Amino acid sequence: MKTDHKAYEHITLSSRIYDVMDHPAFDNWGHLIFPWDGNRRYSRNMTMRDAPELHLWHTNRDAQSMVDGVNRMIDDRNAGFQVFYDIYTDKEKEDDPSKELTGLFFLRGEPGKPFAVICPGGGFYYVGSLHEGFPLAMELNKSGYNAFVLKYRVGQGETVASRDLIAAVHYIQSHAEELGVAKDNYSLWGGSAGARMCSNVTYGEGGIRRPQELLSPAAAMIAYTYYAGNPDFTASDPAAYFIVGTEDWIVPWRDVRERAEEMEEAGIPVECHILKHTQHGFGVGTGTPAEGWMEQAVSFWERNMKHE
């Protein structure tokens, strides 16, 4: 049933983080919007204006874009849409309580179009959805694509987080009809730690080495990281889009380029962008040399979709 548009009010830069967590639009999952599990990083007086400082290893952080992402989800709730989805069953969460801290935020595009799963970074210690998830999802919506932002487990290493990504894709595909998305030609998007997850589940790294577990997206978008493992690449592996800055203090851009060249030599469709004067964790890239990168990445995704 459609909700009264006045039922859920927008937040502002002055809204307290704890009030956003408890916003009636978000039922019992509002805390999962924010980077850190638990309350240890949040003071009672902290507002959305302070939210950028919670993203330790990111740059180009903008509080207003974070507010806009939250308000987009409030708008969807006002329109009667479900926004948050569990990827694990109640039994799975009962058996492993850490799975309570997972889920998918769904920002809808055009019904029936392919979907993207976005894995924000955070060094496997936090999940930077406010900076590197919801803003990217809204950009993808502009091209009509459906976008999911994954809240995965942190503090347990990249293999556990990567398995959450596998579970998320399986959930979306098994519920594609009710979600209104195409099952095929999906893409994976990740920044930093999130990008490692995308590589783990497509090319067999980070402990995800059993072929039957690997995913087959049309393309994987790998922002400011590179594949540290040594899989045997083949021409049938998913296409890969790389982007990194020359002033990235975490990821050596030359290593990214070397890995991209190795994959290209194996016959994999690859696009690699090395940006001057660009640091780590730039998100959408507005106001930086990375501005517009998502449009390029969407074009790459579209070129690698399979059509019958």
C-alpha atoms as a PDB file:
ATOM      1  CA  MET A   1       0.000   0.000   0.000  1.00  0.00           C
ATOM      2  CA  LYS A   2       1.346   3.396  -0.946  1.00  0.00           C
ATOM      3  CA  THR A   3       2.549   5.460   1.973  1.00  0.00           C
ATOM      4  CA  ASP A   4       1.552   9.062   2.600  1.00  0.00           C
ATOM      5  CA  HIS A   5       4.359  11.185   1.150  1.00  0.00           C
ATOM      6  CA  LYS A   6       4.430  13.238   4.340  1.00  0.00           C
ATOM      7  CA  ALA A   7       4.950  10.188   6.534  1.00  0.00           C
ATOM      8  CA  TYR A   8       8.724  10.173   6.293  1.00  0.00           C
ATOM      9  CA  GLU A   9      10.544  13.493   6.471  1.00  0.00           C
ATOM     10  CA  HIS A  10      13.868  14.212   4.785  1.00  0.00           C
ATOM     11  CA  ILE A  11      17.024  14.529   6.821  1.00  0.00           C
ATOM     12  CA  THR A  12      19.475  17.458   6.625  1.00  0.00           C
ATOM     13  CA  LEU A  13      23.120  18.113   7.327  1.00  0.00           C
ATOM     14  CA  SER A  14      22.098  19.020  10.862  1.00  0.00           C
ATOM     15  CA  SER A  15      20.328  15.727  11.513  1.00  0.00           C
ATOM     16  CA  ARG A  16      21.970  13.716  14.268  1.00  0.00           C
ATOM     17  CA  ILE A  17      23.382  10.383  13.152  1.00  0.00           C
ATOM     18  CA  TYR A  18      21.500   8.541  15.889  1.00  0.00           C
ATOM     19  CA  ASP A  19      18.248  10.144  14.727  1.00  0.00           C
ATOM     20  CA  VAL A  20      18.940   8.990  11.167  1.00  0.00           C
ATOM     21  CA  MET A  21      19.572   5.461  12.425  1.00  0.00           C
ATOM     22  CA  ASP A  22      16.208   5.577  14.205  1.00  0.00           C
ATOM     23  CA  HIS A  23      14.351   7.250  11.310  1.00  0.00           C
ATOM     24  CA  PRO A  24      10.913   5.593  10.964  1.00  0.00           C
ATOM     25  CA  ALA A  25      11.503   4.980   7.252  1.00  0.00           C
ATOM     26  CA  PHE A  26      14.269   2.540   8.071  1.00  0.00           C
ATOM     27  CA  ASP A  27      12.527   0.201  10.500  1.00  0.00           C
ATOM     28  CA  ASN A  28      15.296  -1.693  12.317  1.00  0.00           C
ATOM     29  CA  TRP A  29      18.062  -1.423   9.737  1.00  0.00           C
ATOM     30  CA  GLY A  30      18.980   2.273   9.850  1.00  0.00           C
ATOM     31  CA  HIS A  31      22.259   1.577  11.645  1.00  0.00           C
ATOM     32  CA  LEU A  32      23.481  -0.472   8.668  1.00  0.00           C
ATOM     33  CA  ILE A  33      23.572   2.679   6.523  1.00  0.00           C
ATOM     34  CA  PHE A  34      26.562   3.932   8.499  1.00  0.00           C
ATOM     35  CA  PRO A  35      30.164   2.740   8.175  1.00  0.00           C
ATOM     36  CA  TRP A  36      30.958   1.191  11.539  1.00  0.00           C
ATOM     37  CA  ASP A  37      29.227  -1.735  13.223  1.00  0.00           C
ATOM     38  CA  GLY A  38      28.248  -0.843  16.769  1.00  0.00           C
ATOM     39  CA  ASN A  39      28.316   2.557  18.408  1.00  0.00           C
ATOM     40  CA  ARG A  40      31.989   2.987  19.192  1.00  0.00           C
ATOM     41  CA  ARG A  41      32.610   5.511  16.417  1.00  0.00           C
ATOM     42  CA  TYR A  42      29.591   7.710  17.000  1.00  0.00           C
ATOM     43  CA  SER A  43      29.167  10.400  19.597  1.00  0.00           C
ATOM     44  CA  ARG A  44      25.667  11.427  20.632  1.00  0.00           C
ATOM     45  CA  ASN A  45      26.056  14.896  19.131  1.00  0.00           C
ATOM     46  CA  MET A  46      27.494  13.791  15.794  1.00  0.00           C
ATOM     47  CA  THR A  47      25.455  14.980  12.795  1.00  0.00           C
ATOM     48  CA  MET A  48      25.401  14.138   9.096  1.00  0.00           C
ATOM     49  CA  ARG A  49      27.769  17.060   8.618  1.00  0.00           C
ATOM     50  CA  ASP A  50      30.317  14.935  10.505  1.00  0.00           C
ATOM     51  CA  ALA A  51      29.667  11.747   8.517  1.00  0.00           C
ATOM     52  CA  PRO A  52      32.568  12.195   6.069  1.00  0.00           C
ATOM     53  CA  GLU A  53      35.143  11.892   8.865  1.00  0.00           C
ATOM     54  CA  LEU A  54      33.896   8.365   9.568  1.00  0.00           C
ATOM     55  CA  HIS A  55      35.306   7.237   6.206  1.00  0.00           C
ATOM     56  CA  LEU A  56      38.963   6.963   7.196  1.00  0.00           C
ATOM     57  CA  TRP A  57      40.547   5.773   3.954  1.00  0.00           C
ATOM     58  CA  HIS A  58      38.405   7.709   1.514  1.00  0.00           C
ATOM     59  CA  THR A  59      38.882  11.088  -0.136  1.00  0.00           C
ATOM     60  CA  ASN A  60      36.574  13.503  -1.960  1.00  0.00           C
ATOM     61  CA  ARG A  61      33.982  12.914   0.768  1.00  0.00           C
ATOM     62  CA  ASP A  62      30.945  15.175   0.640  1.00  0.00           C
ATOM     63  CA  ALA A  63      28.370  15.359   3.410  1.00  0.00           C
ATOM     64  CA  GLN A  64      25.592  16.677   1.177  1.00  0.00           C
ATOM     65  CA  SER A  65      25.887  13.747  -1.221  1.00  0.00           C
ATOM     66  CA  MET A  66      25.600  11.445   1.792  1.00  0.00           C
ATOM     67  CA  VAL A  67      22.443  13.237   2.894  1.00  0.00           C
ATOM     68  CA  ASP A  68      21.094  12.987  -0.670  1.00  0.00           C
ATOM     69  CA  GLY A  69      21.634   9.221  -0.678  1.00  0.00           C
ATOM     70  CA  VAL A  70      19.725   8.787   2.566  1.00  0.00           C
ATOM     71  CA  ASN A  71      16.900  11.030   1.324  1.00  0.00           C
ATOM     72  CA  ARG A  72      16.649   9.002  -1.864  1.00  0.00           C
ATOM     73  CA  MET A  73      15.886   5.941   0.228  1.00  0.00           C
ATOM     74  CA  ILE A  74      13.370   7.913   2.273  1.00  0.00           C
ATOM     75  CA  ASP A  75      11.675   8.959  -0.979  1.00  0.00           C
ATOM     76  CA  ASP A  76      11.494   5.324  -2.073  1.00  0.00           C
ATOM     77  CA  ARG A  77       9.911   4.360   1.231  1.00  0.00           C
ATOM     78  CA  ASN A  78       7.393   7.187   0.839  1.00  0.00           C
ATOM     79  CA  ALA A  79       6.572   5.796  -2.608  1.00  0.00           C
ATOM     80  CA  GLY A  80       5.778   2.443  -1.020  1.00  0.00           C
ATOM     81  CA  PHE A  81       8.916   0.576  -2.086  1.00  0.00           C
ATOM     82  CA  GLN A  82      10.915  -1.830   0.028  1.00  0.00           C
ATOM     83  CA  VAL A  83      14.503  -0.634   0.239  1.00  0.00           C
ATOM     84  CA  PHE A  84      16.351  -3.124   2.433  1.00  0.00           C
ATOM     85  CA  TYR A  85      16.532  -6.879   1.833  1.00  0.00           C
ATOM     86  CA  ASP A  86      18.049  -9.667   3.920  1.00  0.00           C
ATOM     87  CA  ILE A  87      20.396 -11.945   1.993  1.00  0.00           C
ATOM     88  CA  TYR A  88      20.382 -14.663   4.649  1.00  0.00           C
ATOM     89  CA  THR A  89      17.463 -16.583   6.106  1.00  0.00           C
ATOM     90  CA  ASP A  90      16.470 -16.384   9.747  1.00  0.00           C
ATOM     91  CA  LYS A  91      17.951 -19.865  10.247  1.00  0.00           C
ATOM     92  CA  GLU A  92      21.269 -18.823   8.703  1.00  0.00           C
ATOM     93  CA  LYS A  93      21.393 -15.768  10.950  1.00  0.00           C
ATOM     94  CA  GLU A  94      20.506 -17.841  13.981  1.00  0.00           C
ATOM     95  CA  ASP A  95      23.365 -20.237  13.196  1.00  0.00           C
ATOM     96  CA  ASP A  96      25.784 -17.345  12.603  1.00  0.00           C
ATOM     97  CA  PRO A  97      24.699 -14.107  14.330  1.00  0.00           C
ATOM     98  CA  SER A  98      27.328 -12.080  12.428  1.00  0.00           C
ATOM     99  CA  LYS A  99      25.095 -12.448   9.370  1.00  0.00           C
ATOM    100  CA  GLU A 100      22.639 -10.085  11.066  1.00  0.00           C
ATOM    101  CA  LEU A 101      24.993  -7.289   9.963  1.00  0.00           C
ATOM    102  CA  THR A 102      24.428  -7.878   6.259  1.00  0.00           C
ATOM    103  CA  GLY A 103      21.869  -6.960   3.622  1.00  0.00           C
ATOM    104  CA  LEU A 104      21.122  -5.202   0.360  1.00  0.00           C
ATOM    105  CA  PHE A 105      19.912  -1.653  -0.177  1.00  0.00           C
ATOM    106  CA  PHE A 106      17.951  -1.527  -3.431  1.00  0.00           C
ATOM    107  CA  LEU A 107      17.830   1.700  -5.442  1.00  0.00           C
ATOM    108  CA  ARG A 108      15.530   1.000  -8.350  1.00  0.00           C
ATOM    109  CA  GLY A 109      16.113   1.840 -11.965  1.00  0.00           C
ATOM    110  CA  GLU A 110      13.872   0.818 -14.851  1.00  0.00           C
ATOM    111  CA  PRO A 111      11.881  -2.402 -14.340  1.00  0.00           C
ATOM    112  CA  GLY A 112      13.390  -5.355 -16.163  1.00  0.00           C
ATOM    113  CA  LYS A 113      16.801  -3.804 -16.742  1.00  0.00           C
ATOM    114  CA  PRO A 114      20.038  -5.451 -15.554  1.00  0.00           C
ATOM    115  CA  PHE A 115      21.313  -4.897 -12.056  1.00  0.00           C
ATOM    116  CA  ALA A 116      24.587  -3.855 -10.494  1.00  0.00           C
ATOM    117  CA  VAL A 117      25.874  -4.825  -7.051  1.00  0.00           C
ATOM    118  CA  ILE A 118      28.054  -2.161  -5.447  1.00  0.00           C
ATOM    119  CA  CYS A 119      30.590  -3.157  -2.786  1.00  0.00           C
ATOM    120  CA  PRO A 120      31.853  -0.059  -0.968  1.00  0.00           C
ATOM    121  CA  GLY A 121      35.343  -0.105   0.503  1.00  0.00           C
ATOM    122  CA  GLY A 122      36.609   0.334   4.025  1.00  0.00           C
ATOM    123  CA  GLY A 123      39.595  -1.940   4.494  1.00  0.00           C
ATOM    124  CA  PHE A 124      37.305  -4.765   5.703  1.00  0.00           C
ATOM    125  CA  TYR A 125      36.885  -2.730   8.912  1.00  0.00           C
ATOM    126  CA  TYR A 126      33.953  -0.578   7.858  1.00  0.00           C
ATOM    127  CA  VAL A 127      31.587  -0.301   4.888  1.00  0.00           C
ATOM    128  CA  GLY A 128      31.564   3.142   3.266  1.00  0.00           C
ATOM    129  CA  SER A 129      28.093   2.996   1.715  1.00  0.00           C
ATOM    130  CA  LEU A 130      27.341   6.678   2.374  1.00  0.00           C
ATOM    131  CA  HIS A 131      30.305   7.761   0.231  1.00  0.00           C
ATOM    132  CA  GLU A 132      30.946   4.862  -2.097  1.00  0.00           C
ATOM    133  CA  GLY A 133      27.610   3.069  -2.294  1.00  0.00           C
ATOM    134  CA  PHE A 134      24.442   5.146  -2.467  1.00  0.00           C
ATOM    135  CA  PRO A 135      25.927   7.962  -4.621  1.00  0.00           C
ATOM    136  CA  LEU A 136      27.184   5.375  -7.141  1.00  0.00           C
ATOM    137  CA  ALA A 137      23.806   3.647  -7.138  1.00  0.00           C
ATOM    138  CA  MET A 138      22.038   6.907  -7.951  1.00  0.00           C
ATOM    139  CA  GLU A 139      24.450   7.519 -10.823  1.00  0.00           C
ATOM    140  CA  LEU A 140      23.640   4.072 -12.230  1.00  0.00           C
ATOM    141  CA  ASN A 141      19.929   4.806 -11.893  1.00  0.00           C
ATOM    142  CA  LYS A 142      20.417   7.756 -14.272  1.00  0.00           C
ATOM    143  CA  SER A 143      21.207   5.186 -16.976  1.00  0.00           C
ATOM    144  CA  GLY A 144      18.148   3.168 -16.002  1.00  0.00           C
ATOM    145  CA  TYR A 145      20.020   0.380 -14.240  1.00  0.00           C
ATOM    146  CA  ASN A 146      18.930  -1.209 -10.997  1.00  0.00           C
ATOM    147  CA  ALA A 147      21.511  -0.867  -8.243  1.00  0.00           C
ATOM    148  CA  PHE A 148      22.065  -2.773  -5.021  1.00  0.00           C
ATOM    149  CA  VAL A 149      24.485  -1.624  -2.317  1.00  0.00           C
ATOM    150  CA  LEU A 150      25.853  -4.479  -0.237  1.00  0.00           C
ATOM    151  CA  LYS A 151      26.341  -4.260   3.509  1.00  0.00           C
ATOM    152  CA  TYR A 152      28.785  -7.081   4.155  1.00  0.00           C
ATOM    153  CA  ARG A 153      30.490  -8.381   7.278  1.00  0.00           C
ATOM    154  CA  VAL A 154      33.677  -6.657   8.419  1.00  0.00           C
ATOM    155  CA  GLY A 155      36.436  -7.631  10.829  1.00  0.00           C
ATOM    156  CA  GLN A 156      36.458 -11.239   9.618  1.00  0.00           C
ATOM    157  CA  GLY A 157      38.650 -10.913   6.541  1.00  0.00           C
ATOM    158  CA  GLU A 158      37.965 -10.664   2.856  1.00  0.00           C
ATOM    159  CA  THR A 159      36.910 -14.266   2.302  1.00  0.00           C
ATOM    160  CA  VAL A 160      33.922 -13.877   4.647  1.00  0.00           C
ATOM    161  CA  ALA A 161      33.012 -10.545   3.027  1.00  0.00           C
ATOM    162  CA  SER A 162      33.355 -12.091  -0.435  1.00  0.00           C
ATOM    163  CA  ARG A 163      31.001 -14.906   0.494  1.00  0.00           C
ATOM    164  CA  ASP A 164      28.439 -12.263   1.434  1.00  0.00           C
ATOM    165  CA  LEU A 165      28.748 -10.928  -2.109  1.00  0.00           C
ATOM    166  CA  ILE A 166      28.155 -14.401  -3.535  1.00  0.00           C
ATOM    167  CA  ALA A 167      25.085 -14.782  -1.320  1.00  0.00           C
ATOM    168  CA  ALA A 168      23.818 -11.365  -2.420  1.00  0.00           C
ATOM    169  CA  VAL A 169      24.026 -12.150  -6.135  1.00  0.00           C
ATOM    170  CA  HIS A 170      22.337 -15.524  -5.631  1.00  0.00           C
ATOM    171  CA  TYR A 171      19.582 -13.814  -3.646  1.00  0.00           C
ATOM    172  CA  ILE A 172      18.954 -11.223  -6.380  1.00  0.00           C
ATOM    173  CA  GLN A 173      18.901 -13.805  -9.155  1.00  0.00           C
ATOM    174  CA  SER A 174      16.570 -16.131  -7.258  1.00  0.00           C
ATOM    175  CA  HIS A 175      14.188 -13.215  -6.561  1.00  0.00           C
ATOM    176  CA  ALA A 176      14.662 -11.397  -9.878  1.00  0.00           C
ATOM    177  CA  GLU A 177      11.006 -11.493 -10.867  1.00  0.00           C
ATOM    178  CA  GLU A 178       9.689  -9.952  -7.653  1.00  0.00           C
ATOM    179  CA  LEU A 179      12.541  -7.423  -7.604  1.00  0.00           C
ATOM    180  CA  GLY A 180      11.830  -6.478 -11.219  1.00  0.00           C
ATOM    181  CA  VAL A 181      15.384  -6.956 -12.506  1.00  0.00           C
ATOM    182  CA  ALA A 182      16.963  -8.969 -15.297  1.00  0.00           C
ATOM    183  CA  LYS A 183      18.893 -11.992 -14.031  1.00  0.00           C
ATOM    184  CA  ASP A 184      21.613 -11.821 -16.674  1.00  0.00           C
ATOM    185  CA  ASN A 185      24.180  -9.242 -17.779  1.00  0.00           C
ATOM    186  CA  TYR A 186      24.677  -7.929 -14.261  1.00  0.00           C
ATOM    187  CA  SER A 187      27.810  -6.106 -13.142  1.00  0.00           C
ATOM    188  CA  LEU A 188      29.861  -5.909  -9.955  1.00  0.00           C
ATOM    189  CA  TRP A 189      31.271  -2.589  -8.745  1.00  0.00           C
ATOM    190  CA  GLY A 190      33.807  -2.201  -5.980  1.00  0.00           C
ATOM    191  CA  GLY A 191      36.137   0.354  -4.490  1.00  0.00           C
ATOM    192  CA  SER A 192      39.310  -0.706  -2.655  1.00  0.00           C
ATOM    193  CA  ALA A 193      38.314  -3.550  -0.296  1.00  0.00           C
ATOM    194  CA  GLY A 194      35.016  -3.819  -2.166  1.00  0.00           C
ATOM    195  CA  ALA A 195      36.918  -4.177  -5.421  1.00  0.00           C
ATOM    196  CA  ARG A 196      38.965  -7.005  -3.946  1.00  0.00           C
ATOM    197  CA  MET A 197      35.685  -8.744  -3.166  1.00  0.00           C
ATOM    198  CA  CYS A 198      34.606  -8.364  -6.787  1.00  0.00           C
ATOM    199  CA  SER A 199      37.859  -9.923  -7.973  1.00  0.00           C
ATOM    200  CA  ASN A 200      37.663 -12.701  -5.376  1.00  0.00           C
ATOM    201  CA  VAL A 201      34.302 -13.929  -6.626  1.00  0.00           C
ATOM    202  CA  THR A 202      35.023 -13.650 -10.356  1.00  0.00           C
ATOM    203  CA  TYR A 203      38.675 -14.706 -10.723  1.00  0.00           C
ATOM    204  CA  GLY A 204      39.154 -17.104  -7.830  1.00  0.00           C
ATOM    205  CA  GLU A 205      41.199 -15.093  -5.365  1.00  0.00           C
ATOM    206  CA  GLY A 206      40.969 -14.349  -1.660  1.00  0.00           C
ATOM    207  CA  GLY A 207      40.027 -17.912  -0.741  1.00  0.00           C
ATOM    208  CA  ILE A 208      37.141 -18.210  -3.237  1.00  0.00           C
ATOM    209  CA  ARG A 209      38.896 -20.782  -5.378  1.00  0.00           C
ATOM    210  CA  ARG A 210      36.231 -23.404  -6.018  1.00  0.00           C
ATOM    211  CA  PRO A 211      35.066 -22.905  -9.636  1.00  0.00           C
ATOM    212  CA  GLN A 212      31.459 -23.794  -8.797  1.00  0.00           C
ATOM    213  CA  GLU A 213      31.302 -20.811  -6.417  1.00  0.00           C
ATOM    214  CA  LEU A 214      32.584 -18.173  -8.813  1.00  0.00           C
ATOM    215  CA  LEU A 215      30.209 -15.623 -10.307  1.00  0.00           C
ATOM    216  CA  SER A 216      29.951 -14.652 -13.979  1.00  0.00           C
ATOM    217  CA  PRO A 217      29.052 -10.971 -14.288  1.00  0.00           C
ATOM    218  CA  ALA A 218      29.130  -9.246 -17.645  1.00  0.00           C
ATOM    219  CA  ALA A 219      31.804  -6.973 -16.173  1.00  0.00           C
ATOM    220  CA  ALA A 220      33.605  -6.214 -12.922  1.00  0.00           C
ATOM    221  CA  MET A 221      34.427  -2.573 -12.154  1.00  0.00           C
ATOM    222  CA  ILE A 222      37.597  -2.452 -10.063  1.00  0.00           C
ATOM    223  CA  ALA A 223      38.292   0.961  -8.531  1.00  0.00           C
ATOM    224  CA  TYR A 224      41.629   1.643  -6.832  1.00  0.00           C
ATOM    225  CA  THR A 225      42.832  -1.854  -6.150  1.00  0.00           C
ATOM    226  CA  TYR A 226      44.384  -4.722  -8.063  1.00  0.00           C
ATOM    227  CA  TYR A 227      44.284  -8.512  -7.993  1.00  0.00           C
ATOM    228  CA  ALA A 228      46.965  -9.715  -5.613  1.00  0.00           C
ATOM    229  CA  GLY A 229      46.423 -13.422  -6.244  1.00  0.00           C
ATOM    230  CA  ASN A 230      47.608 -15.540  -9.155  1.00  0.00           C
ATOM    231  CA  PRO A 231      44.607 -17.052 -10.910  1.00  0.00           C
ATOM    232  CA  ASP A 232      44.942 -18.672 -14.302  1.00  0.00           C
ATOM    233  CA  PHE A 233      43.166 -16.107 -16.428  1.00  0.00           C
ATOM    234  CA  THR A 234      41.348 -17.271 -19.557  1.00  0.00           C
ATOM    235  CA  ALA A 235      39.572 -15.456 -22.361  1.00  0.00           C
ATOM    236  CA  SER A 236      36.233 -16.626 -20.966  1.00  0.00           C
ATOM    237  CA  ASP A 237      36.705 -14.691 -17.700  1.00  0.00           C
ATOM    238  CA  PRO A 238      34.484 -11.631 -17.110  1.00  0.00           C
ATOM    239  CA  ALA A 239      35.514  -8.264 -18.515  1.00  0.00           C
ATOM    240  CA  ALA A 240      37.347  -5.946 -16.123  1.00  0.00           C
ATOM    241  CA  TYR A 241      37.372  -2.161 -15.853  1.00  0.00           C
ATOM    242  CA  PHE A 242      40.204  -0.645 -13.772  1.00  0.00           C
ATOM    243  CA  ILE A 243      40.614   2.888 -12.489  1.00  0.00           C
ATOM    244  CA  VAL A 244      43.248   4.258 -10.070  1.00  0.00           C
ATOM    245  CA  GLY A 245      45.059   7.504  -9.370  1.00  0.00           C
ATOM    246  CA  THR A 246      48.776   8.227  -9.503  1.00  0.00           C
ATOM    247  CA  GLU A 247      48.627   9.746  -6.010  1.00  0.00           C
ATOM    248  CA  ASP A 248      46.949   6.739  -4.421  1.00  0.00           C
ATOM    249  CA  TRP A 249      48.920   6.135  -1.204  1.00  0.00           C
ATOM    250  CA  ILE A 250      47.476   2.636  -0.692  1.00  0.00           C
ATOM    251  CA  VAL A 251      47.426   1.034  -4.140  1.00  0.00           C
ATOM    252  CA  PRO A 252      50.444   1.342  -6.505  1.00  0.00           C
ATOM    253  CA  TRP A 253      49.036   2.377  -9.857  1.00  0.00           C
ATOM    254  CA  ARG A 254      51.793   0.544 -11.737  1.00  0.00           C
ATOM    255  CA  ASP A 255      50.653  -2.730 -10.172  1.00  0.00           C
ATOM    256  CA  VAL A 256      47.110  -2.041 -11.349  1.00  0.00           C
ATOM    257  CA  ARG A 257      48.327  -1.413 -14.879  1.00  0.00           C
ATOM    258  CA  GLU A 258      50.486  -4.560 -14.820  1.00  0.00           C
ATOM    259  CA  ARG A 259      47.561  -6.698 -13.733  1.00  0.00           C
ATOM    260  CA  ALA A 260      45.299  -5.177 -16.387  1.00  0.00           C
ATOM    261  CA  GLU A 261      47.903  -5.927 -19.060  1.00  0.00           C
ATOM    262  CA  GLU A 262      48.220  -9.521 -17.836  1.00  0.00           C
ATOM    263  CA  MET A 263      44.471 -10.018 -18.113  1.00  0.00           C
ATOM    264  CA  GLU A 264      44.357  -8.390 -21.532  1.00  0.00           C
ATOM    265  CA  GLU A 265      47.088 -10.742 -22.747  1.00  0.00           C
ATOM    266  CA  ALA A 266      44.905 -13.651 -21.651  1.00  0.00           C
ATOM    267  CA  GLY A 267      42.158 -12.382 -23.963  1.00  0.00           C
ATOM    268  CA  ILE A 268      39.914 -10.762 -21.362  1.00  0.00           C
ATOM    269  CA  PRO A 269      38.207  -7.498 -22.376  1.00  0.00           C
ATOM    270  CA  VAL A 270      39.947  -4.861 -20.238  1.00  0.00           C
ATOM    271  CA  GLU A 271      39.872  -1.106 -19.871  1.00  0.00           C
ATOM    272  CA  CYS A 272      42.371   0.579 -17.557  1.00  0.00           C
ATOM    273  CA  HIS A 273      42.453   4.245 -16.556  1.00  0.00           C
ATOM    274  CA  ILE A 274      45.381   5.779 -14.662  1.00  0.00           C
ATOM    275  CA  LEU A 275      44.432   9.269 -13.468  1.00  0.00           C
ATOM    276  CA  LYS A 276      46.999  11.930 -12.637  1.00  0.00           C
ATOM    277  CA  HIS A 277      46.670  13.941  -9.417  1.00  0.00           C
ATOM    278  CA  THR A 278      44.042  11.530  -8.044  1.00  0.00           C
ATOM    279  CA  GLN A 279      44.032   9.894  -4.623  1.00  0.00           C
ATOM    280  CA  HIS A 280      42.473   6.814  -3.075  1.00  0.00           C
ATOM    281  CA  GLY A 281      38.748   6.373  -2.495  1.00  0.00           C
ATOM    282  CA  PHE A 282      37.341   9.176  -4.676  1.00  0.00           C
ATOM    283  CA  GLY A 283      33.866   7.640  -4.992  1.00  0.00           C
ATOM    284  CA  VAL A 284      31.795   9.132  -7.816  1.00  0.00           C
ATOM    285  CA  GLY A 285      34.713  11.479  -8.482  1.00  0.00           C
ATOM    286  CA  THR A 286      32.838  14.779  -8.668  1.00  0.00           C
ATOM    287  CA  GLY A 287      35.272  17.683  -8.842  1.00  0.00           C
ATOM    288  CA  THR A 288      38.315  15.446  -9.383  1.00  0.00           C
ATOM    289  CA  PRO A 289      40.088  14.112 -12.490  1.00  0.00           C
ATOM    290  CA  ALA A 290      37.895  11.023 -12.023  1.00  0.00           C
ATOM    291  CA  GLU A 291      34.686  12.935 -12.708  1.00  0.00           C
ATOM    292  CA  GLY A 292      32.680  11.107 -15.369  1.00  0.00           C
ATOM    293  CA  TRP A 293      34.350   7.751 -14.807  1.00  0.00           C
ATOM    294  CA  MET A 294      31.070   6.035 -14.105  1.00  0.00           C
ATOM    295  CA  GLU A 295      29.659   6.936 -17.504  1.00  0.00           C
ATOM    296  CA  GLN A 296      32.741   5.361 -19.084  1.00  0.00           C
ATOM    297  CA  ALA A 297      32.359   2.282 -16.906  1.00  0.00           C
ATOM    298  CA  VAL A 298      28.661   1.927 -17.792  1.00  0.00           C
ATOM    299  CA  SER A 299      29.581   2.075 -21.470  1.00  0.00           C
ATOM    300  CA  PHE A 300      32.184  -0.665 -20.891  1.00  0.00           C
ATOM    301  CA  TRP A 301      29.556  -2.777 -19.099  1.00  0.00           C
ATOM    302  CA  GLU A 302      27.103  -2.339 -21.952  1.00  0.00           C
ATOM    303  CA  ARG A 303      29.683  -3.326 -24.571  1.00  0.00           C
ATOM    304  CA  ASN A 304      30.307  -6.567 -22.708  1.00  0.00           C
ATOM    305  CA  MET A 305      26.689  -7.574 -22.213  1.00  0.00           C
ATOM    306  CA  LYS A 306      25.728 -10.767 -24.016  1.00  0.00           C
ATOM    307  CA  HIS A 307      22.799 -10.584 -26.404  1.00  0.00           C
ATOM    308  CA  GLU A 308      20.997 -13.550 -27.899  1.00  0.00           C
END
